[in-house]
């Protein structure tokens, strides 16, 4: 009997050690709440300075303007470099590791199903469709750019858009979003990331107040969509965010003529992004107020 009790104590100690190691490993991924502001400030300062420098040097590289359009390679790669070179685990940066938190059965049940990932990649089609409809209502015509109008192959444009978008998303959705998420809720963190994302596009802000307002509305709304869609996704976050970003960019390039300095198309695009974000916000509100099914099933009451 004493030997049996000794074995039980040994097993219990071993389980406690494993639990301690697991929590300690999770702790490595948790950003201290006291350091989020300093990390955010330094990251944004360095990213903006690096983006400005790379943007200024970009014309000297000889990269075709069609390739640089919408997703600027230099500034995008600068954002990725700052995020990846920041002290920490590169794998976590690429994965967009979310703040560590205790999870129970209800949390596992609440993870985003694969259908929401599909909805995220279908949302750009809704944004472009709303933008196209808005253009028809405001101007009476739909500015569609044929692929024949470009001097470089479509495959090159698509590939470079994906590379540039993923480079940006390493900084925005894989680094800054999880960092701010340690302090704010998903919507507030997404709004802050979207604001920084919009301000990072300095050339767009020089086109006039109305144009800048439409552009900032678009980046904040798209950031909210991405933040809510990826809130409980633990894998392929970079590819999902980069895919969404790429599809929106290509839609603007070929359908909405977003690259025009005219104010009306950008205002319509911002409104389209805001309209597309509303269902995501409503869905998140419903999920937050829905009763826990496990708690409801185990609650005392008539059977």
C-alpha atoms as a PDB file:
ATOM      1  CA  UNK A   1       0.000   0.000   0.000  1.00  0.00           C
ATOM      2  CA  UNK A   2       2.762   2.547   0.777  1.00  0.00           C
ATOM      3  CA  UNK A   3       4.406   1.776  -2.581  1.00  0.00           C
ATOM      4  CA  UNK A   4       1.091   2.394  -4.362  1.00  0.00           C
ATOM      5  CA  UNK A   5       0.697   5.745  -2.581  1.00  0.00           C
ATOM      6  CA  UNK A   6       4.275   6.653  -3.533  1.00  0.00           C
ATOM      7  CA  UNK A   7       3.515   5.923  -7.189  1.00  0.00           C
ATOM      8  CA  UNK A   8       0.412   8.091  -7.044  1.00  0.00           C
ATOM      9  CA  UNK A   9       2.390  10.968  -5.531  1.00  0.00           C
ATOM     10  CA  UNK A  10       5.080  10.576  -8.175  1.00  0.00           C
ATOM     11  CA  UNK A  11       2.498  10.627 -10.998  1.00  0.00           C
ATOM     12  CA  UNK A  12       0.856  13.709  -9.504  1.00  0.00           C
ATOM     13  CA  UNK A  13       4.203  15.524  -9.230  1.00  0.00           C
ATOM     14  CA  UNK A  14       5.026  14.588 -12.825  1.00  0.00           C
ATOM     15  CA  UNK A  15       1.675  15.925 -14.041  1.00  0.00           C
ATOM     16  CA  UNK A  16       2.220  19.154 -12.133  1.00  0.00           C
ATOM     17  CA  UNK A  17       5.666  19.537 -13.693  1.00  0.00           C
ATOM     18  CA  UNK A  18       4.206  19.022 -17.172  1.00  0.00           C
ATOM     19  CA  UNK A  19       1.464  21.562 -16.473  1.00  0.00           C
ATOM     20  CA  UNK A  20       4.075  24.053 -15.221  1.00  0.00           C
ATOM     21  CA  UNK A  21       6.192  23.546 -18.349  1.00  0.00           C
ATOM     22  CA  UNK A  22       3.156  24.011 -20.569  1.00  0.00           C
ATOM     23  CA  UNK A  23       2.177  27.251 -18.827  1.00  0.00           C
ATOM     24  CA  UNK A  24       5.769  28.449 -18.908  1.00  0.00           C
ATOM     25  CA  UNK A  25       5.888  27.788 -22.664  1.00  0.00           C
ATOM     26  CA  UNK A  26       2.660  29.713 -23.137  1.00  0.00           C
ATOM     27  CA  UNK A  27       4.099  32.544 -21.071  1.00  0.00           C
ATOM     28  CA  UNK A  28       6.868  33.018 -23.597  1.00  0.00           C
ATOM     29  CA  UNK A  29       4.224  34.052 -26.095  1.00  0.00           C
ATOM     30  CA  UNK A  30       2.457  36.468 -23.772  1.00  0.00           C
ATOM     31  CA  UNK A  31       3.381  40.137 -24.204  1.00  0.00           C
ATOM     32  CA  UNK A  32       3.580  41.937 -20.840  1.00  0.00           C
ATOM     33  CA  UNK A  33       0.705  44.365 -20.556  1.00  0.00           C
ATOM     34  CA  UNK A  34       3.065  47.080 -19.353  1.00  0.00           C
ATOM     35  CA  UNK A  35       5.190  46.891 -22.503  1.00  0.00           C
ATOM     36  CA  UNK A  36       2.599  47.034 -25.269  1.00  0.00           C
ATOM     37  CA  UNK A  37       2.669  50.837 -25.639  1.00  0.00           C
ATOM     38  CA  UNK A  38       6.463  51.076 -25.863  1.00  0.00           C
ATOM     39  CA  UNK A  39       6.680  48.202 -28.355  1.00  0.00           C
ATOM     40  CA  UNK A  40       3.891  49.678 -30.461  1.00  0.00           C
ATOM     41  CA  UNK A  41       5.453  53.140 -30.503  1.00  0.00           C
ATOM     42  CA  UNK A  42       8.911  51.921 -31.422  1.00  0.00           C
ATOM     43  CA  UNK A  43       7.564  49.531 -34.054  1.00  0.00           C
ATOM     44  CA  UNK A  44       5.460  52.201 -35.761  1.00  0.00           C
ATOM     45  CA  UNK A  45       8.269  54.776 -35.668  1.00  0.00           C
ATOM     46  CA  UNK A  46      10.839  52.418 -37.154  1.00  0.00           C
ATOM     47  CA  UNK A  47       8.354  50.993 -39.661  1.00  0.00           C
ATOM     48  CA  UNK A  48       7.316  54.427 -40.916  1.00  0.00           C
ATOM     49  CA  UNK A  49      10.900  55.644 -41.204  1.00  0.00           C
ATOM     50  CA  UNK A  50      11.995  52.443 -42.951  1.00  0.00           C
ATOM     51  CA  UNK A  51       8.987  52.576 -45.251  1.00  0.00           C
ATOM     52  CA  UNK A  52       9.727  56.190 -46.164  1.00  0.00           C
ATOM     53  CA  UNK A  53      13.362  55.428 -46.894  1.00  0.00           C
ATOM     54  CA  UNK A  54      12.537  52.355 -48.998  1.00  0.00           C
ATOM     55  CA  UNK A  55       9.787  54.250 -50.774  1.00  0.00           C
ATOM     56  CA  UNK A  56      12.220  57.021 -51.686  1.00  0.00           C
ATOM     57  CA  UNK A  57      14.767  54.530 -53.008  1.00  0.00           C
ATOM     58  CA  UNK A  58      12.150  52.445 -54.815  1.00  0.00           C
ATOM     59  CA  UNK A  59      12.250  54.280 -58.195  1.00  0.00           C
ATOM     60  CA  UNK A  60      15.995  53.641 -58.451  1.00  0.00           C
ATOM     61  CA  UNK A  61      15.419  49.875 -58.403  1.00  0.00           C
ATOM     62  CA  UNK A  62      13.907  49.880 -61.893  1.00  0.00           C
ATOM     63  CA  UNK A  63      10.915  47.791 -60.772  1.00  0.00           C
ATOM     64  CA  UNK A  64       8.044  48.445 -63.215  1.00  0.00           C
ATOM     65  CA  UNK A  65       5.354  50.813 -61.947  1.00  0.00           C
ATOM     66  CA  UNK A  66       2.656  48.241 -62.687  1.00  0.00           C
ATOM     67  CA  UNK A  67       4.366  45.862 -60.285  1.00  0.00           C
ATOM     68  CA  UNK A  68       4.632  48.530 -57.589  1.00  0.00           C
ATOM     69  CA  UNK A  69       1.066  49.732 -58.001  1.00  0.00           C
ATOM     70  CA  UNK A  70      -1.118  49.492 -54.868  1.00  0.00           C
ATOM     71  CA  UNK A  71       1.275  47.246 -52.909  1.00  0.00           C
ATOM     72  CA  UNK A  72       4.550  49.139 -52.664  1.00  0.00           C
ATOM     73  CA  UNK A  73       7.349  46.594 -52.450  1.00  0.00           C
ATOM     74  CA  UNK A  74       9.862  48.780 -50.655  1.00  0.00           C
ATOM     75  CA  UNK A  75       7.658  49.984 -47.780  1.00  0.00           C
ATOM     76  CA  UNK A  76       5.954  46.578 -47.508  1.00  0.00           C
ATOM     77  CA  UNK A  77       9.253  44.739 -47.175  1.00  0.00           C
ATOM     78  CA  UNK A  78      10.377  47.333 -44.639  1.00  0.00           C
ATOM     79  CA  UNK A  79       7.338  46.599 -42.452  1.00  0.00           C
ATOM     80  CA  UNK A  80       8.017  42.860 -42.705  1.00  0.00           C
ATOM     81  CA  UNK A  81      11.694  43.325 -41.860  1.00  0.00           C
ATOM     82  CA  UNK A  82      10.943  45.421 -38.774  1.00  0.00           C
ATOM     83  CA  UNK A  83       8.439  42.846 -37.494  1.00  0.00           C
ATOM     84  CA  UNK A  84      10.693  39.866 -38.156  1.00  0.00           C
ATOM     85  CA  UNK A  85      13.865  41.434 -36.774  1.00  0.00           C
ATOM     86  CA  UNK A  86      12.132  42.543 -33.584  1.00  0.00           C
ATOM     87  CA  UNK A  87      13.391  40.574 -30.537  1.00  0.00           C
ATOM     88  CA  UNK A  88      11.280  37.463 -30.348  1.00  0.00           C
ATOM     89  CA  UNK A  89      10.529  34.241 -32.133  1.00  0.00           C
ATOM     90  CA  UNK A  90      10.237  34.625 -35.903  1.00  0.00           C
ATOM     91  CA  UNK A  91       7.902  31.656 -36.094  1.00  0.00           C
ATOM     92  CA  UNK A  92       5.461  33.440 -33.785  1.00  0.00           C
ATOM     93  CA  UNK A  93       5.726  36.601 -35.875  1.00  0.00           C
ATOM     94  CA  UNK A  94       4.847  34.710 -39.055  1.00  0.00           C
ATOM     95  CA  UNK A  95       2.037  32.828 -37.334  1.00  0.00           C
ATOM     96  CA  UNK A  96       0.543  35.961 -35.812  1.00  0.00           C
ATOM     97  CA  UNK A  97       0.491  34.307 -32.390  1.00  0.00           C
ATOM     98  CA  UNK A  98      -2.390  35.617 -30.334  1.00  0.00           C
ATOM     99  CA  UNK A  99      -2.159  36.483 -26.636  1.00  0.00           C
ATOM    100  CA  UNK A 100      -1.960  33.369 -24.466  1.00  0.00           C
ATOM    101  CA  UNK A 101      -5.099  32.740 -22.470  1.00  0.00           C
ATOM    102  CA  UNK A 102      -6.722  29.938 -20.577  1.00  0.00           C
ATOM    103  CA  UNK A 103      -8.929  27.811 -22.716  1.00  0.00           C
ATOM    104  CA  UNK A 104     -11.612  25.355 -21.775  1.00  0.00           C
ATOM    105  CA  UNK A 105     -13.986  23.167 -23.794  1.00  0.00           C
ATOM    106  CA  UNK A 106     -16.173  26.160 -24.615  1.00  0.00           C
ATOM    107  CA  UNK A 107     -13.193  28.036 -26.045  1.00  0.00           C
ATOM    108  CA  UNK A 108     -12.300  25.150 -28.332  1.00  0.00           C
ATOM    109  CA  UNK A 109     -15.917  24.949 -29.468  1.00  0.00           C
ATOM    110  CA  UNK A 110     -15.897  28.697 -30.211  1.00  0.00           C
ATOM    111  CA  UNK A 111     -12.962  28.551 -32.608  1.00  0.00           C
ATOM    112  CA  UNK A 112     -13.746  29.928 -36.021  1.00  0.00           C
ATOM    113  CA  UNK A 113     -14.993  27.184 -38.354  1.00  0.00           C
ATOM    114  CA  UNK A 114     -13.477  26.790 -41.793  1.00  0.00           C
ATOM    115  CA  UNK A 115     -16.576  28.425 -43.288  1.00  0.00           C
ATOM    116  CA  UNK A 116     -15.560  31.774 -41.789  1.00  0.00           C
ATOM    117  CA  UNK A 117     -12.195  31.489 -43.491  1.00  0.00           C
ATOM    118  CA  UNK A 118     -14.008  31.048 -46.791  1.00  0.00           C
ATOM    119  CA  UNK A 119     -16.227  34.027 -45.935  1.00  0.00           C
ATOM    120  CA  UNK A 120     -13.118  36.130 -45.331  1.00  0.00           C
ATOM    121  CA  UNK A 121     -11.751  35.331 -48.792  1.00  0.00           C
ATOM    122  CA  UNK A 122     -15.168  35.984 -50.363  1.00  0.00           C
ATOM    123  CA  UNK A 123     -15.543  39.385 -48.686  1.00  0.00           C
ATOM    124  CA  UNK A 124     -13.234  41.137 -51.213  1.00  0.00           C
ATOM    125  CA  UNK A 125     -15.707  40.148 -53.941  1.00  0.00           C
ATOM    126  CA  UNK A 126     -18.460  41.875 -51.949  1.00  0.00           C
ATOM    127  CA  UNK A 127     -16.310  44.994 -51.489  1.00  0.00           C
ATOM    128  CA  UNK A 128     -15.496  45.206 -55.182  1.00  0.00           C
ATOM    129  CA  UNK A 129     -19.127  44.555 -56.170  1.00  0.00           C
ATOM    130  CA  UNK A 130     -20.332  47.336 -53.858  1.00  0.00           C
ATOM    131  CA  UNK A 131     -17.627  49.645 -55.203  1.00  0.00           C
ATOM    132  CA  UNK A 132     -18.622  48.870 -58.771  1.00  0.00           C
ATOM    133  CA  UNK A 133     -22.285  49.467 -57.968  1.00  0.00           C
ATOM    134  CA  UNK A 134     -21.430  52.744 -56.278  1.00  0.00           C
ATOM    135  CA  UNK A 135     -19.424  53.822 -59.304  1.00  0.00           C
ATOM    136  CA  UNK A 136     -22.386  53.126 -61.576  1.00  0.00           C
ATOM    137  CA  UNK A 137     -24.678  55.173 -59.343  1.00  0.00           C
ATOM    138  CA  UNK A 138     -22.321  58.132 -58.961  1.00  0.00           C
ATOM    139  CA  UNK A 139     -20.756  58.356 -62.419  1.00  0.00           C
ATOM    140  CA  UNK A 140     -23.027  56.286 -64.629  1.00  0.00           C
ATOM    141  CA  UNK A 141     -20.114  54.153 -65.854  1.00  0.00           C
ATOM    142  CA  UNK A 142     -17.968  51.304 -64.600  1.00  0.00           C
ATOM    143  CA  UNK A 143     -14.220  51.851 -65.015  1.00  0.00           C
ATOM    144  CA  UNK A 144     -12.968  48.376 -65.923  1.00  0.00           C
ATOM    145  CA  UNK A 145      -9.304  47.925 -66.803  1.00  0.00           C
ATOM    146  CA  UNK A 146      -8.567  45.138 -69.250  1.00  0.00           C
ATOM    147  CA  UNK A 147      -5.585  42.907 -68.584  1.00  0.00           C
ATOM    148  CA  UNK A 148      -4.482  43.789 -72.132  1.00  0.00           C
ATOM    149  CA  UNK A 149      -3.851  47.347 -70.954  1.00  0.00           C
ATOM    150  CA  UNK A 150      -0.886  46.221 -68.859  1.00  0.00           C
ATOM    151  CA  UNK A 151       2.534  45.685 -70.379  1.00  0.00           C
ATOM    152  CA  UNK A 152       3.435  42.840 -68.006  1.00  0.00           C
ATOM    153  CA  UNK A 153       1.838  39.364 -67.687  1.00  0.00           C
ATOM    154  CA  UNK A 154      -1.111  38.928 -65.357  1.00  0.00           C
ATOM    155  CA  UNK A 155       0.698  36.153 -63.496  1.00  0.00           C
ATOM    156  CA  UNK A 156       3.510  38.572 -62.624  1.00  0.00           C
ATOM    157  CA  UNK A 157       1.048  41.168 -61.312  1.00  0.00           C
ATOM    158  CA  UNK A 158      -0.813  38.601 -59.199  1.00  0.00           C
ATOM    159  CA  UNK A 159       2.395  37.088 -57.802  1.00  0.00           C
ATOM    160  CA  UNK A 160       3.924  40.409 -56.873  1.00  0.00           C
ATOM    161  CA  UNK A 161       0.668  41.594 -55.319  1.00  0.00           C
ATOM    162  CA  UNK A 162       0.566  38.460 -53.127  1.00  0.00           C
ATOM    163  CA  UNK A 163       4.212  38.818 -52.079  1.00  0.00           C
ATOM    164  CA  UNK A 164       3.811  42.493 -51.261  1.00  0.00           C
ATOM    165  CA  UNK A 165       0.518  41.971 -49.405  1.00  0.00           C
ATOM    166  CA  UNK A 166       1.950  39.127 -47.299  1.00  0.00           C
ATOM    167  CA  UNK A 167       4.984  41.274 -46.490  1.00  0.00           C
ATOM    168  CA  UNK A 168       2.680  43.999 -45.190  1.00  0.00           C
ATOM    169  CA  UNK A 169       0.520  41.567 -43.250  1.00  0.00           C
ATOM    170  CA  UNK A 170       3.519  40.223 -41.342  1.00  0.00           C
ATOM    171  CA  UNK A 171       3.663  43.672 -39.787  1.00  0.00           C
ATOM    172  CA  UNK A 172      -0.034  44.482 -39.440  1.00  0.00           C
ATOM    173  CA  UNK A 173      -1.961  41.297 -38.720  1.00  0.00           C
ATOM    174  CA  UNK A 174       0.904  39.043 -37.548  1.00  0.00           C
ATOM    175  CA  UNK A 175       2.735  41.514 -35.303  1.00  0.00           C
ATOM    176  CA  UNK A 176       0.761  44.654 -34.458  1.00  0.00           C
ATOM    177  CA  UNK A 177      -2.710  43.083 -34.145  1.00  0.00           C
ATOM    178  CA  UNK A 178      -1.646  40.418 -31.592  1.00  0.00           C
ATOM    179  CA  UNK A 179       0.422  43.027 -29.736  1.00  0.00           C
ATOM    180  CA  UNK A 180      -2.500  45.451 -29.333  1.00  0.00           C
ATOM    181  CA  UNK A 181      -4.846  42.524 -28.660  1.00  0.00           C
ATOM    182  CA  UNK A 182      -3.027  41.980 -25.345  1.00  0.00           C
ATOM    183  CA  UNK A 183      -4.457  45.301 -24.175  1.00  0.00           C
ATOM    184  CA  UNK A 184      -7.664  45.931 -26.181  1.00  0.00           C
ATOM    185  CA  UNK A 185     -10.620  43.963 -27.464  1.00  0.00           C
ATOM    186  CA  UNK A 186     -10.648  42.648 -31.039  1.00  0.00           C
ATOM    187  CA  UNK A 187     -12.599  45.557 -32.536  1.00  0.00           C
ATOM    188  CA  UNK A 188     -10.637  48.297 -30.750  1.00  0.00           C
ATOM    189  CA  UNK A 189      -7.316  46.631 -31.607  1.00  0.00           C
ATOM    190  CA  UNK A 190      -8.409  46.289 -35.238  1.00  0.00           C
ATOM    191  CA  UNK A 191      -9.425  49.956 -35.450  1.00  0.00           C
ATOM    192  CA  UNK A 192      -6.033  51.024 -34.117  1.00  0.00           C
ATOM    193  CA  UNK A 193      -4.187  48.733 -36.540  1.00  0.00           C
ATOM    194  CA  UNK A 194      -6.354  49.966 -39.423  1.00  0.00           C
ATOM    195  CA  UNK A 195      -5.587  53.578 -38.542  1.00  0.00           C
ATOM    196  CA  UNK A 196      -1.845  52.889 -38.470  1.00  0.00           C
ATOM    197  CA  UNK A 197      -2.164  50.922 -41.708  1.00  0.00           C
ATOM    198  CA  UNK A 198      -3.900  53.869 -43.389  1.00  0.00           C
ATOM    199  CA  UNK A 199      -1.460  56.485 -42.100  1.00  0.00           C
ATOM    200  CA  UNK A 200       1.414  54.310 -43.342  1.00  0.00           C
ATOM    201  CA  UNK A 201       0.152  54.943 -46.913  1.00  0.00           C
ATOM    202  CA  UNK A 202       1.468  58.500 -46.881  1.00  0.00           C
ATOM    203  CA  UNK A 203       0.955  59.164 -50.638  1.00  0.00           C
ATOM    204  CA  UNK A 204      -2.773  58.457 -50.313  1.00  0.00           C
ATOM    205  CA  UNK A 205      -3.065  61.089 -47.585  1.00  0.00           C
ATOM    206  CA  UNK A 206      -1.672  63.826 -49.820  1.00  0.00           C
ATOM    207  CA  UNK A 207      -4.590  63.662 -52.288  1.00  0.00           C
ATOM    208  CA  UNK A 208      -6.871  65.878 -50.216  1.00  0.00           C
ATOM    209  CA  UNK A 209      -8.977  65.603 -47.032  1.00  0.00           C
ATOM    210  CA  UNK A 210     -11.956  63.836 -48.645  1.00  0.00           C
ATOM    211  CA  UNK A 211      -9.739  61.321 -50.425  1.00  0.00           C
ATOM    212  CA  UNK A 212      -7.749  60.661 -47.233  1.00  0.00           C
ATOM    213  CA  UNK A 213     -10.968  60.220 -45.231  1.00  0.00           C
ATOM    214  CA  UNK A 214     -12.277  57.654 -47.701  1.00  0.00           C
ATOM    215  CA  UNK A 215      -8.963  55.803 -47.674  1.00  0.00           C
ATOM    216  CA  UNK A 216      -8.737  55.725 -43.870  1.00  0.00           C
ATOM    217  CA  UNK A 217     -12.340  54.527 -43.680  1.00  0.00           C
ATOM    218  CA  UNK A 218     -11.419  51.677 -46.017  1.00  0.00           C
ATOM    219  CA  UNK A 219      -8.294  50.608 -44.110  1.00  0.00           C
ATOM    220  CA  UNK A 220     -10.038  50.713 -40.723  1.00  0.00           C
ATOM    221  CA  UNK A 221     -13.049  48.773 -42.025  1.00  0.00           C
ATOM    222  CA  UNK A 222     -10.873  46.131 -43.708  1.00  0.00           C
ATOM    223  CA  UNK A 223      -8.753  45.867 -40.565  1.00  0.00           C
ATOM    224  CA  UNK A 224     -11.898  45.190 -38.507  1.00  0.00           C
ATOM    225  CA  UNK A 225     -12.936  42.481 -40.976  1.00  0.00           C
ATOM    226  CA  UNK A 226      -9.514  40.837 -40.736  1.00  0.00           C
ATOM    227  CA  UNK A 227      -9.306  41.209 -36.963  1.00  0.00           C
ATOM    228  CA  UNK A 228     -12.701  39.609 -36.356  1.00  0.00           C
ATOM    229  CA  UNK A 229     -12.253  36.892 -38.981  1.00  0.00           C
ATOM    230  CA  UNK A 230      -8.858  35.846 -37.601  1.00  0.00           C
ATOM    231  CA  UNK A 231      -9.694  36.281 -33.911  1.00  0.00           C
ATOM    232  CA  UNK A 232      -9.708  32.549 -33.096  1.00  0.00           C
ATOM    233  CA  UNK A 233      -7.804  31.250 -36.110  1.00  0.00           C
ATOM    234  CA  UNK A 234      -4.505  29.704 -35.023  1.00  0.00           C
ATOM    235  CA  UNK A 235      -3.108  28.535 -38.377  1.00  0.00           C
ATOM    236  CA  UNK A 236      -2.525  30.019 -41.835  1.00  0.00           C
ATOM    237  CA  UNK A 237      -3.235  33.524 -40.524  1.00  0.00           C
ATOM    238  CA  UNK A 238      -0.611  35.105 -42.764  1.00  0.00           C
ATOM    239  CA  UNK A 239      -1.905  33.430 -45.917  1.00  0.00           C
ATOM    240  CA  UNK A 240      -5.510  34.314 -45.076  1.00  0.00           C
ATOM    241  CA  UNK A 241      -4.678  37.972 -44.389  1.00  0.00           C
ATOM    242  CA  UNK A 242      -2.377  38.166 -47.414  1.00  0.00           C
ATOM    243  CA  UNK A 243      -4.976  36.501 -49.627  1.00  0.00           C
ATOM    244  CA  UNK A 244      -7.679  38.960 -48.528  1.00  0.00           C
ATOM    245  CA  UNK A 245      -5.310  41.898 -49.059  1.00  0.00           C
ATOM    246  CA  UNK A 246      -4.276  40.648 -52.504  1.00  0.00           C
ATOM    247  CA  UNK A 247      -7.835  40.082 -53.704  1.00  0.00           C
ATOM    248  CA  UNK A 248      -8.862  43.587 -52.640  1.00  0.00           C
ATOM    249  CA  UNK A 249      -5.815  45.089 -54.366  1.00  0.00           C
ATOM    250  CA  UNK A 250      -6.471  43.208 -57.600  1.00  0.00           C
ATOM    251  CA  UNK A 251     -10.125  44.200 -57.528  1.00  0.00           C
ATOM    252  CA  UNK A 252      -9.182  47.854 -57.146  1.00  0.00           C
ATOM    253  CA  UNK A 253      -6.600  47.512 -59.890  1.00  0.00           C
ATOM    254  CA  UNK A 254      -8.897  45.914 -62.468  1.00  0.00           C
ATOM    255  CA  UNK A 255     -12.413  47.076 -61.570  1.00  0.00           C
ATOM    256  CA  UNK A 256     -12.701  50.155 -59.388  1.00  0.00           C
ATOM    257  CA  UNK A 257      -9.798  52.259 -60.716  1.00  0.00           C
ATOM    258  CA  UNK A 258      -8.823  53.093 -57.130  1.00  0.00           C
ATOM    259  CA  UNK A 259      -5.448  54.349 -58.351  1.00  0.00           C
ATOM    260  CA  UNK A 260      -7.161  57.418 -59.837  1.00  0.00           C
ATOM    261  CA  UNK A 261      -6.626  60.564 -57.724  1.00  0.00           C
ATOM    262  CA  UNK A 262     -10.324  61.395 -58.089  1.00  0.00           C
ATOM    263  CA  UNK A 263     -12.100  61.661 -54.737  1.00  0.00           C
ATOM    264  CA  UNK A 264     -15.403  59.981 -55.660  1.00  0.00           C
ATOM    265  CA  UNK A 265     -14.010  56.469 -56.358  1.00  0.00           C
ATOM    266  CA  UNK A 266     -12.134  56.453 -53.051  1.00  0.00           C
ATOM    267  CA  UNK A 267     -15.168  57.687 -51.128  1.00  0.00           C
ATOM    268  CA  UNK A 268     -17.250  54.917 -52.710  1.00  0.00           C
ATOM    269  CA  UNK A 269     -14.561  52.356 -51.937  1.00  0.00           C
ATOM    270  CA  UNK A 270     -14.427  53.439 -48.284  1.00  0.00           C
ATOM    271  CA  UNK A 271     -18.209  53.177 -48.001  1.00  0.00           C
ATOM    272  CA  UNK A 272     -18.122  49.717 -49.629  1.00  0.00           C
ATOM    273  CA  UNK A 273     -15.526  48.487 -47.118  1.00  0.00           C
ATOM    274  CA  UNK A 274     -17.572  49.882 -44.233  1.00  0.00           C
ATOM    275  CA  UNK A 275     -20.728  48.169 -45.508  1.00  0.00           C
ATOM    276  CA  UNK A 276     -18.842  44.874 -45.869  1.00  0.00           C
ATOM    277  CA  UNK A 277     -17.575  45.164 -42.281  1.00  0.00           C
ATOM    278  CA  UNK A 278     -21.033  45.559 -40.744  1.00  0.00           C
ATOM    279  CA  UNK A 279     -22.038  41.853 -41.062  1.00  0.00           C
ATOM    280  CA  UNK A 280     -18.782  40.822 -39.391  1.00  0.00           C
ATOM    281  CA  UNK A 281     -19.389  43.223 -36.506  1.00  0.00           C
ATOM    282  CA  UNK A 282     -22.987  42.033 -36.134  1.00  0.00           C
ATOM    283  CA  UNK A 283     -21.859  38.399 -36.146  1.00  0.00           C
ATOM    284  CA  UNK A 284     -19.240  39.091 -33.489  1.00  0.00           C
ATOM    285  CA  UNK A 285     -21.844  40.828 -31.318  1.00  0.00           C
ATOM    286  CA  UNK A 286     -24.210  37.870 -31.628  1.00  0.00           C
ATOM    287  CA  UNK A 287     -21.424  35.451 -30.717  1.00  0.00           C
ATOM    288  CA  UNK A 288     -20.472  37.549 -27.691  1.00  0.00           C
ATOM    289  CA  UNK A 289     -24.043  37.680 -26.356  1.00  0.00           C
ATOM    290  CA  UNK A 290     -24.992  34.080 -27.192  1.00  0.00           C
ATOM    291  CA  UNK A 291     -25.342  31.823 -24.120  1.00  0.00           C
ATOM    292  CA  UNK A 292     -22.637  29.237 -23.598  1.00  0.00           C
ATOM    293  CA  UNK A 293     -24.080  25.955 -24.893  1.00  0.00           C
ATOM    294  CA  UNK A 294     -22.102  23.778 -22.485  1.00  0.00           C
ATOM    295  CA  UNK A 295     -23.164  25.879 -19.493  1.00  0.00           C
ATOM    296  CA  UNK A 296     -26.764  25.879 -20.710  1.00  0.00           C
ATOM    297  CA  UNK A 297     -26.783  22.114 -21.170  1.00  0.00           C
ATOM    298  CA  UNK A 298     -25.430  21.456 -17.686  1.00  0.00           C
ATOM    299  CA  UNK A 299     -27.533  24.085 -15.869  1.00  0.00           C
ATOM    300  CA  UNK A 300     -30.065  22.915 -13.305  1.00  0.00           C
ATOM    301  CA  UNK A 301     -33.597  22.962 -14.562  1.00  0.00           C
ATOM    302  CA  UNK A 302     -36.485  20.816 -15.702  1.00  0.00           C
ATOM    303  CA  UNK A 303     -35.482  17.887 -17.843  1.00  0.00           C
END
